[in-house]
N, C-alpha and C. Protein backbone atom coordinates (compact mmCIF):
# COMPACT_ATOMS: atom_id res chain seq x y z
N MET A 1 -45.07 -5.40 -5.33
CA MET A 1 -43.74 -6.73 -5.37
C MET A 1 -42.97 -5.65 -6.20
N LYS A 2 -43.47 -5.40 -7.76
CA LYS A 2 -42.48 -4.36 -8.76
C LYS A 2 -41.51 -3.32 -7.79
N SER A 3 -42.17 -2.52 -7.16
CA SER A 3 -41.40 -1.56 -6.29
C SER A 3 -40.55 -1.65 -5.43
N ASN A 4 -41.07 -3.21 -5.11
CA ASN A 4 -40.10 -3.16 -3.81
C ASN A 4 -38.72 -3.49 -4.19
N LEU A 5 -38.97 -4.43 -5.61
CA LEU A 5 -37.62 -4.88 -6.46
C LEU A 5 -36.86 -3.45 -6.77
N ILE A 6 -37.68 -2.93 -7.15
CA ILE A 6 -37.10 -1.56 -7.86
C ILE A 6 -35.77 -0.75 -6.75
N ALA A 7 -36.70 -0.97 -5.50
CA ALA A 7 -36.28 -0.17 -4.26
C ALA A 7 -34.77 -0.84 -3.91
N VAL A 8 -35.24 -2.42 -3.46
CA VAL A 8 -33.69 -3.15 -3.66
C VAL A 8 -32.69 -2.87 -4.85
N LEU A 9 -33.28 -2.80 -5.98
CA LEU A 9 -32.20 -2.81 -7.09
C LEU A 9 -31.60 -1.42 -6.97
N LEU A 10 -31.76 -0.07 -6.74
CA LEU A 10 -31.45 0.92 -6.60
C LEU A 10 -30.96 1.10 -5.53
N CYS A 11 -30.90 0.28 -4.26
CA CYS A 11 -29.98 0.15 -3.21
C CYS A 11 -28.69 -0.60 -3.29
N LEU A 12 -28.83 -1.39 -3.78
CA LEU A 12 -27.75 -2.52 -4.60
C LEU A 12 -27.29 -1.38 -5.26
N ALA A 13 -27.61 -0.44 -6.13
CA ALA A 13 -26.65 -0.04 -7.12
C ALA A 13 -25.83 0.75 -6.09
N ALA A 14 -26.72 1.87 -5.31
CA ALA A 14 -25.81 2.95 -4.52
C ALA A 14 -24.64 2.04 -3.75
N ALA A 15 -24.99 1.00 -3.19
CA ALA A 15 -24.04 0.28 -2.53
C ALA A 15 -22.53 -0.03 -3.29
N VAL A 16 -23.03 -0.75 -4.49
CA VAL A 16 -21.86 -0.45 -5.48
C VAL A 16 -21.10 0.91 -5.73
N ALA A 17 -22.03 1.85 -5.91
CA ALA A 17 -21.15 2.75 -6.59
C ALA A 17 -20.58 3.91 -5.36
N ALA A 18 -20.71 2.84 -3.97
CA ALA A 18 -20.48 4.22 -2.72
C ALA A 18 -19.12 3.21 -2.22
N VAL A 19 -18.93 1.80 -2.93
CA VAL A 19 -17.41 1.22 -2.28
C VAL A 19 -16.78 1.37 -4.01
N ALA A 20 -17.20 1.46 -5.00
CA ALA A 20 -15.96 1.88 -5.93
C ALA A 20 -15.68 3.86 -5.21
N GLN A 21 -16.63 4.48 -5.12
CA GLN A 21 -15.92 5.62 -4.40
C GLN A 21 -14.98 5.55 -3.30
N LYS A 22 -15.13 4.76 -2.54
CA LYS A 22 -14.17 4.10 -1.33
C LYS A 22 -13.00 3.76 -2.29
N ALA A 23 -12.83 3.04 -3.12
CA ALA A 23 -11.37 2.63 -3.70
C ALA A 23 -11.02 4.20 -4.43
N ASP A 24 -11.81 4.71 -5.17
CA ASP A 24 -11.16 5.84 -5.93
C ASP A 24 -10.62 6.91 -4.64
N LYS A 25 -11.08 6.95 -3.45
CA LYS A 25 -10.27 8.21 -2.74
C LYS A 25 -9.37 7.56 -2.22
N ARG A 26 -9.45 5.88 -2.05
CA ARG A 26 -8.33 5.30 -1.42
C ARG A 26 -6.86 5.54 -2.28
N LEU A 27 -7.48 5.02 -3.59
CA LEU A 27 -6.13 5.45 -4.38
C LEU A 27 -5.60 7.24 -4.35
N ALA A 28 -6.46 7.95 -4.67
CA ALA A 28 -6.36 9.24 -4.86
C ALA A 28 -5.85 9.55 -3.35
N GLU A 29 -5.90 9.22 -2.68
CA GLU A 29 -5.02 9.95 -1.18
C GLU A 29 -3.87 8.81 -1.32
N SER A 30 -3.43 7.90 -1.81
CA SER A 30 -1.80 7.30 -1.98
C SER A 30 -1.43 8.08 -2.76
N ALA A 31 -1.55 8.49 -3.84
CA ALA A 31 -1.23 9.04 -4.69
C ALA A 31 -0.52 10.48 -3.91
N THR A 32 -1.70 11.05 -3.74
CA THR A 32 -0.97 12.61 -3.25
C THR A 32 0.19 12.05 -2.15
N VAL A 33 -0.27 11.47 -1.33
CA VAL A 33 1.05 10.63 0.06
C VAL A 33 2.23 11.23 -0.68
N LEU A 34 2.13 9.93 -1.19
CA LEU A 34 3.29 9.36 -2.62
C LEU A 34 3.86 10.52 -3.48
N GLU A 35 3.87 11.19 -3.93
CA GLU A 35 3.72 12.70 -4.67
C GLU A 35 4.49 13.80 -3.38
N THR A 36 3.92 13.61 -2.39
CA THR A 36 4.75 14.26 -1.29
C THR A 36 5.89 13.96 -0.84
N ILE A 37 6.12 13.12 -0.74
CA ILE A 37 6.99 12.20 0.24
C ILE A 37 8.03 12.40 -1.24
N THR A 38 8.09 11.99 -2.57
CA THR A 38 9.01 11.80 -3.59
C THR A 38 9.67 13.19 -3.36
N THR A 39 8.92 14.32 -3.17
CA THR A 39 9.51 15.70 -3.65
C THR A 39 10.15 16.07 -2.67
N LYS A 40 9.82 15.36 -1.69
CA LYS A 40 10.73 15.77 -0.03
C LYS A 40 12.00 15.17 -0.39
N SER A 41 12.12 14.14 -1.47
CA SER A 41 13.65 13.18 -1.56
C SER A 41 14.65 12.73 -0.87
N GLU A 42 13.45 12.50 -0.04
CA GLU A 42 14.22 11.84 1.31
C GLU A 42 14.45 10.47 1.36
N ILE A 43 13.62 9.19 0.67
CA ILE A 43 13.88 8.20 -0.10
C ILE A 43 14.46 8.12 -0.80
N SER A 44 16.05 7.42 -1.03
CA SER A 44 17.01 7.69 -1.99
C SER A 44 16.56 6.82 -3.21
N ASN A 45 17.40 7.24 -4.35
CA ASN A 45 16.63 6.65 -5.68
C ASN A 45 16.88 5.30 -5.69
N THR A 46 18.48 4.84 -5.14
CA THR A 46 18.65 3.34 -4.79
C THR A 46 17.49 2.28 -4.10
N ALA A 47 16.61 3.01 -3.03
CA ALA A 47 15.84 2.53 -2.55
C ALA A 47 14.67 2.53 -3.53
N TRP A 48 14.16 3.76 -4.23
CA TRP A 48 12.73 3.01 -5.00
C TRP A 48 13.41 2.25 -5.77
N SER A 49 14.82 1.87 -6.65
CA SER A 49 14.93 1.14 -7.65
C SER A 49 14.55 -0.15 -7.29
N LYS A 50 15.47 -0.37 -6.04
CA LYS A 50 14.84 -1.68 -5.62
C LYS A 50 13.63 -2.14 -5.36
N ALA A 51 12.57 -1.23 -5.03
CA ALA A 51 11.81 -1.34 -4.32
C ALA A 51 10.54 -2.63 -5.69
N LYS A 52 10.36 -3.80 -5.05
CA LYS A 52 9.18 -4.52 -5.60
C LYS A 52 7.85 -4.37 -5.53
N CYS A 53 7.46 -3.84 -4.38
CA CYS A 53 6.11 -3.31 -3.99
C CYS A 53 6.22 -2.20 -3.48
N VAL A 54 5.34 -1.42 -3.00
CA VAL A 54 4.89 -0.58 -2.36
C VAL A 54 3.90 -0.62 -2.09
N LEU A 55 3.40 -0.11 -0.73
CA LEU A 55 2.09 0.01 0.26
C LEU A 55 2.30 1.57 1.03
N VAL A 56 0.74 2.01 0.55
CA VAL A 56 1.00 3.63 1.06
C VAL A 56 -0.62 3.09 2.04
N TYR A 57 0.09 3.82 3.32
CA TYR A 57 -1.15 3.77 3.87
C TYR A 57 -1.60 5.57 4.61
N PRO A 58 -2.61 6.41 3.68
CA PRO A 58 -2.52 7.08 4.35
C PRO A 58 -3.36 7.85 5.73
N SER A 59 -2.95 9.18 6.19
CA SER A 59 -4.06 9.15 7.13
C SER A 59 -4.40 8.47 8.20
N VAL A 60 -3.58 7.29 8.47
CA VAL A 60 -3.43 6.74 9.84
C VAL A 60 -4.07 7.17 11.17
N LYS A 61 -4.63 6.99 12.32
CA LYS A 61 -5.00 7.20 13.43
C LYS A 61 -5.16 6.37 14.41
N LYS A 62 -4.77 6.43 15.34
CA LYS A 62 -5.20 5.51 16.89
C LYS A 62 -6.73 6.63 17.09
N VAL A 63 -7.82 5.67 17.25
CA VAL A 63 -8.88 6.07 17.83
C VAL A 63 -9.16 6.14 19.09
N GLY A 64 -8.51 4.91 19.79
CA GLY A 64 -8.83 4.77 21.10
C GLY A 64 -7.66 3.28 22.02
N ILE A 65 -7.68 3.93 23.36
CA ILE A 65 -6.51 3.13 23.80
C ILE A 65 -6.84 1.61 23.37
N GLY A 66 -5.51 1.04 23.01
CA GLY A 66 -5.66 -0.18 22.77
C GLY A 66 -6.42 -0.96 21.46
N ILE A 67 -6.92 0.13 20.92
CA ILE A 67 -7.51 -0.42 19.84
C ILE A 67 -7.11 -0.09 18.80
N GLY A 68 -6.93 -1.31 17.48
CA GLY A 68 -6.41 -0.91 16.29
C GLY A 68 -7.34 -1.53 15.50
N MET A 69 -7.50 -0.22 14.61
CA MET A 69 -8.53 0.19 13.73
C MET A 69 -7.50 -0.37 12.48
N SER A 70 -8.33 -0.80 11.17
CA SER A 70 -7.98 -1.17 10.03
C SER A 70 -8.37 -0.16 8.89
N TYR A 71 -6.92 0.10 8.40
CA TYR A 71 -7.36 1.20 7.15
C TYR A 71 -6.96 0.62 5.58
N GLY A 72 -8.19 0.27 4.86
CA GLY A 72 -7.62 -0.10 3.21
C GLY A 72 -6.68 0.80 2.85
N ARG A 73 -5.62 0.47 2.10
CA ARG A 73 -5.39 1.05 0.84
C ARG A 73 -4.80 0.36 0.08
N GLY A 74 -3.93 0.81 -1.08
CA GLY A 74 -3.29 -0.22 -1.82
C GLY A 74 -1.97 -0.46 -1.83
N VAL A 75 -1.42 -1.55 -2.31
CA VAL A 75 -0.13 -2.21 -2.71
C VAL A 75 -0.19 -2.20 -4.23
N VAL A 76 0.88 -1.58 -5.06
CA VAL A 76 1.58 -1.39 -6.26
C VAL A 76 2.48 -2.30 -5.98
N CYS A 77 2.75 -3.47 -7.21
CA CYS A 77 3.80 -4.44 -7.52
C CYS A 77 4.03 -4.24 -8.86
N ARG A 78 5.78 -4.32 -9.01
CA ARG A 78 6.44 -4.85 -10.26
C ARG A 78 5.91 -5.97 -10.80
N THR A 79 5.28 -6.14 -12.36
CA THR A 79 5.32 -7.44 -12.71
C THR A 79 5.82 -8.50 -13.03
N GLY A 80 5.75 -9.88 -13.36
CA GLY A 80 6.81 -10.04 -14.18
C GLY A 80 6.92 -11.55 -13.06
N ALA A 81 7.69 -12.72 -13.60
CA ALA A 81 7.90 -13.37 -12.57
C ALA A 81 9.05 -13.52 -11.85
N ASN A 82 10.13 -12.15 -12.05
CA ASN A 82 11.08 -11.74 -10.54
C ASN A 82 10.43 -10.34 -10.20
N MET A 83 9.64 -9.96 -10.44
CA MET A 83 8.60 -8.66 -10.40
C MET A 83 10.05 -7.68 -10.35
N ASP A 84 10.24 -7.20 -11.83
CA ASP A 84 11.33 -6.47 -12.20
C ASP A 84 10.58 -5.70 -13.34
N GLY A 85 9.63 -5.98 -13.37
CA GLY A 85 9.10 -5.07 -14.62
C GLY A 85 8.29 -4.08 -14.15
N LYS A 86 7.50 -3.30 -15.03
CA LYS A 86 6.65 -2.41 -15.01
C LYS A 86 5.57 -2.11 -14.01
N TRP A 87 5.64 -0.94 -13.28
CA TRP A 87 4.22 -1.12 -11.81
C TRP A 87 2.82 -1.45 -12.64
N GLY A 88 2.35 -2.71 -11.78
CA GLY A 88 0.97 -3.12 -12.07
C GLY A 88 0.01 -2.53 -11.95
N ALA A 89 -1.21 -3.02 -11.87
CA ALA A 89 -2.75 -2.58 -11.37
C ALA A 89 -2.46 -2.79 -9.62
N PRO A 90 -2.78 -1.72 -8.58
CA PRO A 90 -2.84 -2.05 -7.22
C PRO A 90 -3.58 -2.91 -6.73
N ILE A 91 -3.41 -3.20 -5.84
CA ILE A 91 -4.44 -4.44 -5.19
C ILE A 91 -4.63 -3.58 -3.47
N MET A 92 -6.02 -3.98 -3.44
CA MET A 92 -5.92 -3.17 -1.62
C MET A 92 -5.67 -3.92 -0.94
N TYR A 93 -5.44 -3.49 0.39
CA TYR A 93 -4.96 -4.24 1.51
C TYR A 93 -5.45 -3.45 2.69
N THR A 94 -5.63 -3.79 3.73
CA THR A 94 -5.72 -3.42 5.31
C THR A 94 -4.39 -3.05 6.33
N LEU A 95 -4.38 -2.58 7.53
CA LEU A 95 -3.42 -2.45 8.38
C LEU A 95 -3.82 -2.05 9.16
N ASP A 96 -3.92 -3.28 10.33
CA ASP A 96 -4.17 -3.42 11.68
C ASP A 96 -3.53 -2.52 12.66
N THR A 97 -3.55 -1.57 12.96
CA THR A 97 -2.80 -0.67 14.11
C THR A 97 -2.97 -1.09 15.56
N GLY A 98 -3.02 -2.06 15.60
CA GLY A 98 -2.91 -2.41 17.11
C GLY A 98 -1.74 -2.30 17.74
N SER A 99 -0.65 -2.85 17.40
CA SER A 99 0.51 -2.75 17.34
C SER A 99 1.39 -1.20 17.39
N LEU A 100 0.65 -0.40 17.08
CA LEU A 100 1.39 1.04 16.54
C LEU A 100 1.94 1.52 18.10
N GLY A 101 0.70 1.24 19.07
CA GLY A 101 1.08 2.00 20.31
C GLY A 101 0.91 3.68 20.11
N ALA A 102 1.76 4.14 21.06
CA ALA A 102 2.31 5.51 21.32
C ALA A 102 2.66 6.14 20.17
N GLN A 103 2.88 5.19 18.51
CA GLN A 103 3.14 6.13 17.74
C GLN A 103 2.12 6.77 17.36
N LEU A 104 0.83 6.61 17.83
CA LEU A 104 -0.46 6.83 16.74
C LEU A 104 -1.17 7.64 17.94
N GLY A 105 -1.19 9.23 17.89
CA GLY A 105 -2.27 9.83 18.39
C GLY A 105 -3.19 10.31 17.81
N SER A 106 -3.64 11.70 18.04
CA SER A 106 -4.77 12.61 17.44
C SER A 106 -4.43 13.05 16.05
N THR A 107 -2.92 13.03 15.95
CA THR A 107 -2.60 13.46 14.49
C THR A 107 -2.68 12.12 13.75
N SER A 108 -3.17 12.56 12.35
CA SER A 108 -2.98 11.48 11.71
C SER A 108 -1.60 11.27 11.12
N THR A 109 -1.10 9.81 11.04
CA THR A 109 0.16 9.80 10.26
C THR A 109 0.05 9.00 8.89
N ASP A 110 0.73 9.19 8.44
CA ASP A 110 0.81 8.62 6.50
C ASP A 110 1.91 7.93 6.52
N TYR A 111 2.14 6.34 6.24
CA TYR A 111 3.09 5.25 5.81
C TYR A 111 3.36 4.80 4.68
N VAL A 112 4.46 4.49 4.29
CA VAL A 112 4.80 4.28 2.85
C VAL A 112 6.14 3.32 3.27
N LEU A 113 5.49 1.94 2.81
CA LEU A 113 6.66 0.66 2.69
C LEU A 113 7.13 0.24 1.40
N LEU A 114 8.07 0.51 1.49
CA LEU A 114 9.34 -0.05 0.17
C LEU A 114 9.45 -1.54 0.62
N ILE A 115 8.72 -2.29 -0.55
CA ILE A 115 9.31 -3.99 0.27
C ILE A 115 10.40 -4.09 -1.03
N ILE A 116 11.69 -4.96 -0.41
CA ILE A 116 12.93 -4.87 -1.48
C ILE A 116 12.93 -6.34 -1.75
N SER A 117 12.48 -6.84 -0.97
CA SER A 117 13.07 -8.16 -1.34
C SER A 117 11.79 -9.43 -2.23
N GLN A 118 12.59 -10.13 -2.78
CA GLN A 118 11.57 -11.35 -2.97
C GLN A 118 10.43 -11.90 -1.81
N ARG A 119 11.32 -12.25 -1.14
CA ARG A 119 10.67 -12.88 0.27
C ARG A 119 9.63 -11.97 0.74
N GLY A 120 10.15 -10.94 0.56
CA GLY A 120 8.40 -9.92 1.62
C GLY A 120 7.25 -9.83 0.50
N ALA A 121 7.83 -9.75 -0.89
CA ALA A 121 7.12 -9.59 -2.18
C ALA A 121 6.46 -10.66 -1.65
N ASP A 122 6.80 -11.84 -1.66
CA ASP A 122 6.03 -13.27 -1.85
C ASP A 122 4.89 -13.26 -0.51
N LYS A 123 5.63 -12.87 0.49
CA LYS A 123 4.74 -12.96 1.58
C LYS A 123 3.32 -11.63 1.75
N ILE A 124 3.69 -10.87 1.07
CA ILE A 124 2.65 -9.44 1.26
C ILE A 124 1.17 -9.92 -0.01
N LEU A 125 1.98 -10.96 -0.96
CA LEU A 125 1.24 -11.31 -2.41
C LEU A 125 0.28 -12.71 -2.07
N SER A 126 0.69 -13.21 -0.77
CA SER A 126 0.08 -14.37 -0.37
C SER A 126 -1.29 -13.85 0.33
N GLY A 127 -1.24 -12.93 1.04
CA GLY A 127 -2.77 -12.24 1.22
C GLY A 127 -3.08 -11.93 2.85
N LYS A 128 -1.76 -12.07 3.23
CA LYS A 128 -1.37 -11.85 4.72
C LYS A 128 -0.10 -11.73 5.00
N LEU A 129 0.27 -10.36 5.91
CA LEU A 129 1.50 -10.31 6.42
C LEU A 129 2.11 -9.85 7.79
N LYS A 130 2.40 -10.49 8.58
CA LYS A 130 2.55 -10.08 9.75
C LYS A 130 4.30 -9.65 9.75
N LEU A 131 4.25 -8.12 10.24
CA LEU A 131 5.54 -7.69 9.89
C LEU A 131 6.59 -8.77 11.17
N GLY A 132 7.86 -8.66 11.05
CA GLY A 132 8.59 -9.94 12.12
C GLY A 132 8.09 -11.36 12.11
N ALA A 133 7.23 -11.87 11.53
CA ALA A 133 6.81 -13.39 11.11
C ALA A 133 7.03 -13.54 9.98
N GLY A 134 8.21 -14.07 9.52
CA GLY A 134 8.90 -14.27 7.76
C GLY A 134 8.59 -13.04 7.40
N ALA A 135 8.71 -11.78 7.56
CA ALA A 135 9.23 -10.77 6.76
C ALA A 135 9.80 -9.82 7.58
N SER A 136 10.71 -9.34 7.51
CA SER A 136 11.71 -7.92 8.65
C SER A 136 11.51 -6.89 7.99
N ALA A 137 11.55 -5.68 8.81
CA ALA A 137 10.73 -4.33 8.35
C ALA A 137 11.98 -3.54 9.33
N VAL A 138 12.46 -2.96 8.91
CA VAL A 138 13.07 -1.93 9.09
C VAL A 138 12.80 -0.33 9.15
N ALA A 139 13.18 0.61 9.80
CA ALA A 139 12.88 2.49 10.16
C ALA A 139 13.45 2.57 8.70
N GLY A 140 13.23 3.06 7.51
CA GLY A 140 13.66 2.89 5.91
C GLY A 140 14.84 4.58 6.19
N PRO A 141 15.96 3.87 5.79
CA PRO A 141 17.10 5.30 5.52
C PRO A 141 16.71 6.56 4.71
N SER A 142 17.17 7.32 5.03
CA SER A 142 16.77 8.67 4.52
C SER A 142 17.89 9.61 4.06
N GLY A 143 18.07 10.21 2.85
CA GLY A 143 19.16 11.14 2.12
C GLY A 143 19.67 9.87 1.83
N ALA A 144 20.87 9.91 2.07
CA ALA A 144 22.24 9.35 1.35
C ALA A 144 22.58 7.99 2.11
N ASN A 145 22.28 7.74 3.06
CA ASN A 145 22.40 6.49 3.93
C ASN A 145 21.84 5.44 3.55
N ALA A 146 22.64 4.55 2.85
CA ALA A 146 22.05 3.38 2.57
C ALA A 146 22.22 1.95 2.93
N ALA A 147 22.56 1.96 4.21
CA ALA A 147 23.25 0.75 4.74
C ALA A 147 22.03 -0.26 5.07
N ALA A 148 20.79 -0.06 5.32
CA ALA A 148 19.91 -0.74 5.12
C ALA A 148 19.52 -1.74 4.01
N LEU A 149 20.02 -0.71 2.67
CA LEU A 149 19.88 -1.67 1.58
C LEU A 149 20.63 -2.80 1.33
N ASN A 150 21.68 -2.75 1.61
CA ASN A 150 22.50 -3.93 1.48
C ASN A 150 22.67 -4.97 2.64
N ASP A 151 21.47 -5.06 3.46
CA ASP A 151 21.33 -5.69 4.03
C ASP A 151 19.97 -6.95 3.82
N PRO A 152 21.20 -7.96 3.43
CA PRO A 152 20.30 -9.61 3.02
C PRO A 152 19.26 -9.63 3.97
N ASN A 153 19.04 -9.13 5.00
CA ASN A 153 18.00 -9.78 5.97
C ASN A 153 17.22 -9.07 5.97
N VAL A 154 16.95 -7.71 5.65
CA VAL A 154 15.83 -6.86 5.72
C VAL A 154 14.84 -7.15 4.09
N ASP A 155 13.53 -7.26 4.38
CA ASP A 155 12.40 -7.49 3.53
C ASP A 155 11.98 -5.94 3.02
N ILE A 156 11.26 -5.05 4.31
CA ILE A 156 10.79 -3.84 4.04
C ILE A 156 11.35 -2.65 4.93
N LEU A 157 11.58 -1.54 4.02
CA LEU A 157 11.33 -0.21 4.86
C LEU A 157 10.59 0.58 4.79
N SER A 158 10.13 1.24 5.91
CA SER A 158 9.19 1.69 6.33
C SER A 158 9.20 3.32 6.48
N TYR A 159 8.72 4.03 6.13
CA TYR A 159 8.74 5.60 6.46
C TYR A 159 7.55 5.79 6.92
N SER A 160 7.62 7.33 7.85
CA SER A 160 6.30 7.72 7.95
C SER A 160 6.54 9.29 7.87
N GLN A 161 4.87 9.45 7.78
CA GLN A 161 4.96 11.45 7.77
C GLN A 161 3.84 11.78 8.77
N SER A 162 4.20 12.81 9.34
CA SER A 162 3.15 13.49 10.50
C SER A 162 3.83 14.76 10.73
N LYS A 163 2.80 15.51 11.21
CA LYS A 163 2.97 17.07 10.59
C LYS A 163 3.77 17.80 10.01
N GLY A 164 4.08 17.19 8.83
CA GLY A 164 5.12 17.38 7.41
C GLY A 164 6.47 17.35 7.60
N LEU A 165 6.70 16.57 8.87
CA LEU A 165 8.10 15.87 9.25
C LEU A 165 8.27 14.52 8.22
N PHE A 166 8.83 14.02 8.15
CA PHE A 166 9.12 12.91 7.35
C PHE A 166 10.33 12.50 8.23
N ALA A 167 10.16 11.06 8.43
CA ALA A 167 11.11 9.99 8.82
C ALA A 167 11.02 8.61 8.70
N GLY A 168 12.04 7.79 8.94
CA GLY A 168 12.14 6.25 8.82
C GLY A 168 11.03 5.66 9.89
N ALA A 169 10.39 4.93 10.12
CA ALA A 169 9.35 4.72 11.33
C ALA A 169 9.43 2.96 11.16
N THR A 170 9.17 2.62 12.68
CA THR A 170 8.87 1.20 12.93
C THR A 170 7.30 0.55 13.04
N LEU A 171 7.14 -0.39 12.80
CA LEU A 171 5.37 -0.28 12.87
C LEU A 171 5.26 -1.62 13.75
N GLY A 172 6.08 -2.32 14.53
CA GLY A 172 6.31 -3.13 15.29
C GLY A 172 5.64 -4.58 14.63
N SER A 173 4.50 -5.07 15.43
CA SER A 173 4.24 -6.40 14.55
C SER A 173 3.09 -6.48 13.67
N ALA A 174 2.56 -4.96 13.09
CA ALA A 174 1.55 -4.93 12.74
C ALA A 174 1.38 -5.74 11.42
N SER A 175 -0.06 -5.79 11.10
CA SER A 175 -0.18 -7.05 10.16
C SER A 175 -0.61 -6.32 8.93
N MET A 176 -0.65 -6.85 7.69
CA MET A 176 -1.54 -6.41 6.27
C MET A 176 -2.20 -7.56 6.19
N ALA A 177 -3.55 -7.52 5.66
CA ALA A 177 -4.47 -8.60 4.48
C ALA A 177 -4.61 -7.71 3.30
N SER A 178 -5.14 -8.47 2.73
CA SER A 178 -6.02 -8.14 1.70
C SER A 178 -7.32 -7.94 1.83
N ASP A 179 -7.52 -7.02 1.18
CA ASP A 179 -9.41 -6.56 1.37
C ASP A 179 -10.18 -6.78 -0.17
N ASP A 180 -10.07 -7.98 0.33
CA ASP A 180 -11.25 -8.76 -0.30
C ASP A 180 -12.34 -8.13 -1.29
N SER A 181 -13.33 -7.96 -0.52
CA SER A 181 -14.42 -7.15 -1.04
C SER A 181 -14.24 -5.87 -1.85
N VAL A 182 -13.17 -5.14 -1.03
CA VAL A 182 -12.78 -3.82 -1.73
C VAL A 182 -12.26 -4.47 -3.17
N ASN A 183 -11.30 -5.26 -3.52
CA ASN A 183 -10.69 -5.69 -4.87
C ASN A 183 -11.65 -6.20 -5.43
N LYS A 184 -12.34 -7.19 -5.03
CA LYS A 184 -13.65 -7.71 -6.12
C LYS A 184 -14.60 -5.90 -7.01
N ASP A 185 -14.64 -5.59 -6.25
CA ASP A 185 -15.59 -4.25 -6.42
C ASP A 185 -14.70 -3.86 -7.44
N LEU A 186 -13.52 -3.79 -7.36
CA LEU A 186 -12.66 -2.52 -8.03
C LEU A 186 -12.72 -2.97 -9.38
N TYR A 187 -12.32 -4.66 -9.36
CA TYR A 187 -11.72 -5.55 -10.32
C TYR A 187 -13.18 -6.00 -11.19
N GLY A 188 -14.21 -5.98 -10.33
CA GLY A 188 -15.48 -6.90 -10.61
C GLY A 188 -15.54 -8.59 -10.86
N LYS A 189 -14.39 -8.73 -9.85
CA LYS A 189 -14.47 -10.46 -9.91
C LYS A 189 -13.17 -11.00 -8.49
N ASP A 190 -12.91 -11.89 -7.89
CA ASP A 190 -12.08 -12.23 -7.05
C ASP A 190 -10.90 -12.23 -7.72
N ILE A 191 -9.78 -11.54 -7.28
CA ILE A 191 -8.58 -11.92 -7.88
C ILE A 191 -7.45 -12.22 -7.03
N ASP A 192 -6.66 -13.31 -7.41
CA ASP A 192 -5.98 -13.81 -6.98
C ASP A 192 -4.21 -12.71 -7.49
N ALA A 193 -4.02 -12.09 -5.93
CA ALA A 193 -3.16 -11.19 -6.02
C ALA A 193 -1.57 -11.55 -7.07
N ALA A 194 -1.06 -13.08 -6.37
CA ALA A 194 0.35 -12.96 -6.56
C ALA A 194 0.05 -13.59 -8.35
N GLN A 195 -1.16 -14.12 -8.81
CA GLN A 195 -1.53 -14.26 -10.03
C GLN A 195 -1.24 -13.01 -10.83
N MET A 196 -1.71 -12.05 -10.48
CA MET A 196 -1.90 -10.77 -11.25
C MET A 196 -1.24 -10.36 -11.45
N VAL A 197 -0.18 -10.33 -10.62
CA VAL A 197 1.51 -9.42 -10.46
C VAL A 197 2.20 -9.77 -11.35
N ARG A 198 2.01 -11.30 -11.48
CA ARG A 198 3.16 -11.79 -12.29
C ARG A 198 2.96 -11.89 -13.86
N ASP A 199 1.41 -11.97 -14.42
CA ASP A 199 1.09 -11.98 -15.28
C ASP A 199 1.50 -10.62 -16.12
N GLY A 200 0.56 -9.68 -15.30
CA GLY A 200 1.07 -8.16 -15.71
C GLY A 200 -0.27 -7.55 -16.64
N ASN A 201 -1.03 -8.61 -17.08
CA ASN A 201 -2.10 -8.16 -17.82
C ASN A 201 -3.77 -7.42 -17.42
N THR A 202 -3.65 -7.02 -16.28
CA THR A 202 -4.63 -6.55 -15.51
C THR A 202 -4.44 -5.02 -15.65
N PRO A 203 -5.75 -4.39 -16.62
CA PRO A 203 -5.94 -2.90 -16.68
C PRO A 203 -5.54 -2.13 -15.81
N ILE A 204 -4.86 -1.14 -15.64
CA ILE A 204 -4.77 -0.36 -14.49
C ILE A 204 -6.18 0.69 -14.40
N PRO A 205 -6.95 0.48 -13.25
CA PRO A 205 -8.31 1.66 -13.47
C PRO A 205 -7.57 3.07 -13.58
N PRO A 206 -8.43 3.66 -13.99
CA PRO A 206 -8.26 5.23 -14.32
C PRO A 206 -7.60 6.03 -12.88
N ALA A 207 -8.32 5.43 -11.56
CA ALA A 207 -8.45 6.49 -10.44
C ALA A 207 -7.04 5.85 -10.07
N ALA A 208 -6.54 4.78 -10.30
CA ALA A 208 -5.23 4.78 -10.11
C ALA A 208 -3.81 5.03 -10.79
N ARG A 209 -3.90 5.71 -11.77
CA ARG A 209 -2.82 6.06 -12.82
C ARG A 209 -2.14 7.16 -12.23
N PRO A 210 -2.56 8.41 -11.29
CA PRO A 210 -1.90 9.02 -10.64
C PRO A 210 -0.72 8.50 -9.59
N LEU A 211 -1.16 7.24 -9.20
CA LEU A 211 -0.47 6.82 -8.40
C LEU A 211 0.71 6.24 -9.10
N ILE A 212 0.58 5.51 -9.94
CA ILE A 212 1.43 4.63 -10.82
C ILE A 212 2.38 5.42 -11.58
N ASP A 213 1.69 6.96 -12.14
CA ASP A 213 3.06 7.70 -12.61
C ASP A 213 4.10 8.34 -11.78
N VAL A 214 3.55 8.64 -10.49
CA VAL A 214 4.35 8.67 -9.41
C VAL A 214 5.38 7.62 -9.04
N LEU A 215 4.77 6.67 -8.96
CA LEU A 215 5.85 5.11 -8.80
C LEU A 215 6.98 5.32 -9.85
N LYS A 216 6.32 5.51 -11.19
CA LYS A 216 7.20 5.47 -12.59
C LYS A 216 8.24 6.40 -12.41
N LYS A 217 7.90 7.44 -11.60
CA LYS A 217 9.22 8.64 -12.00
C LYS A 217 9.86 8.61 -10.90
N ALA A 218 9.72 8.18 -9.41
CA ALA A 218 10.33 7.55 -8.31
C ALA A 218 11.35 6.48 -9.15
N SER A 219 10.63 5.69 -9.41
CA SER A 219 11.64 4.59 -9.65
C SER A 219 13.01 4.64 -10.72
N GLN A 220 12.16 5.52 -11.65
CA GLN A 220 13.33 5.61 -13.01
C GLN A 220 14.33 6.52 -12.94
N LYS A 221 14.59 7.17 -11.53
CA LYS A 221 15.22 8.18 -10.93
C LYS A 221 16.58 7.52 -10.73
N GLY A 222 16.53 5.83 -10.16
CA GLY A 222 17.49 5.23 -9.87
C GLY A 222 18.21 4.10 -10.84
N MET A 223 17.84 4.55 -11.61
CA MET A 223 18.22 3.26 -13.09
C MET A 223 19.54 4.03 -13.75
């Protein structure tokens, strides 16, 4: 009985370590994508300064015809009641790619979403968001083109990067949802995303610091 108990405990410890490694890997990949895109300077400083939250989905692929796969990655939001403070601790989300269709192929695509309205931020922090249903998303303007930034009906600017090419992207009616199991393992408890963001007291995990540093640099340019 004792040996069985030890075996179970070892299995549980291994499972927890694997989940933690998965979260750390997601955060590292997100930081790399964000660093690459900010270096190319295709997202305007104004867009970065307007962003209340940023979602990063690295290496998204379509696995089969009509199959929508979910890829868990992180969303980082500004803290405070009006979400205009510092960048807070990340929250893991999934992406349902079923609506992306022909956009996805054998080559992986990186997606970066800038949520620029309070309405869009509230939707994502509710735990679930379907583009077009309560939050409008458009292909993000590149360079100096800032038309979409002045449209009060636009909640989200979306960008993609594939084969080294960077451009605005449309994600159709893609859905995003909080990855509760990974968030619980990352923070050691169930989290309330909206409360966590508005309080701004949650310590940033060490693996997330490179991601936060990139966001700080990008958003400060527009101030």
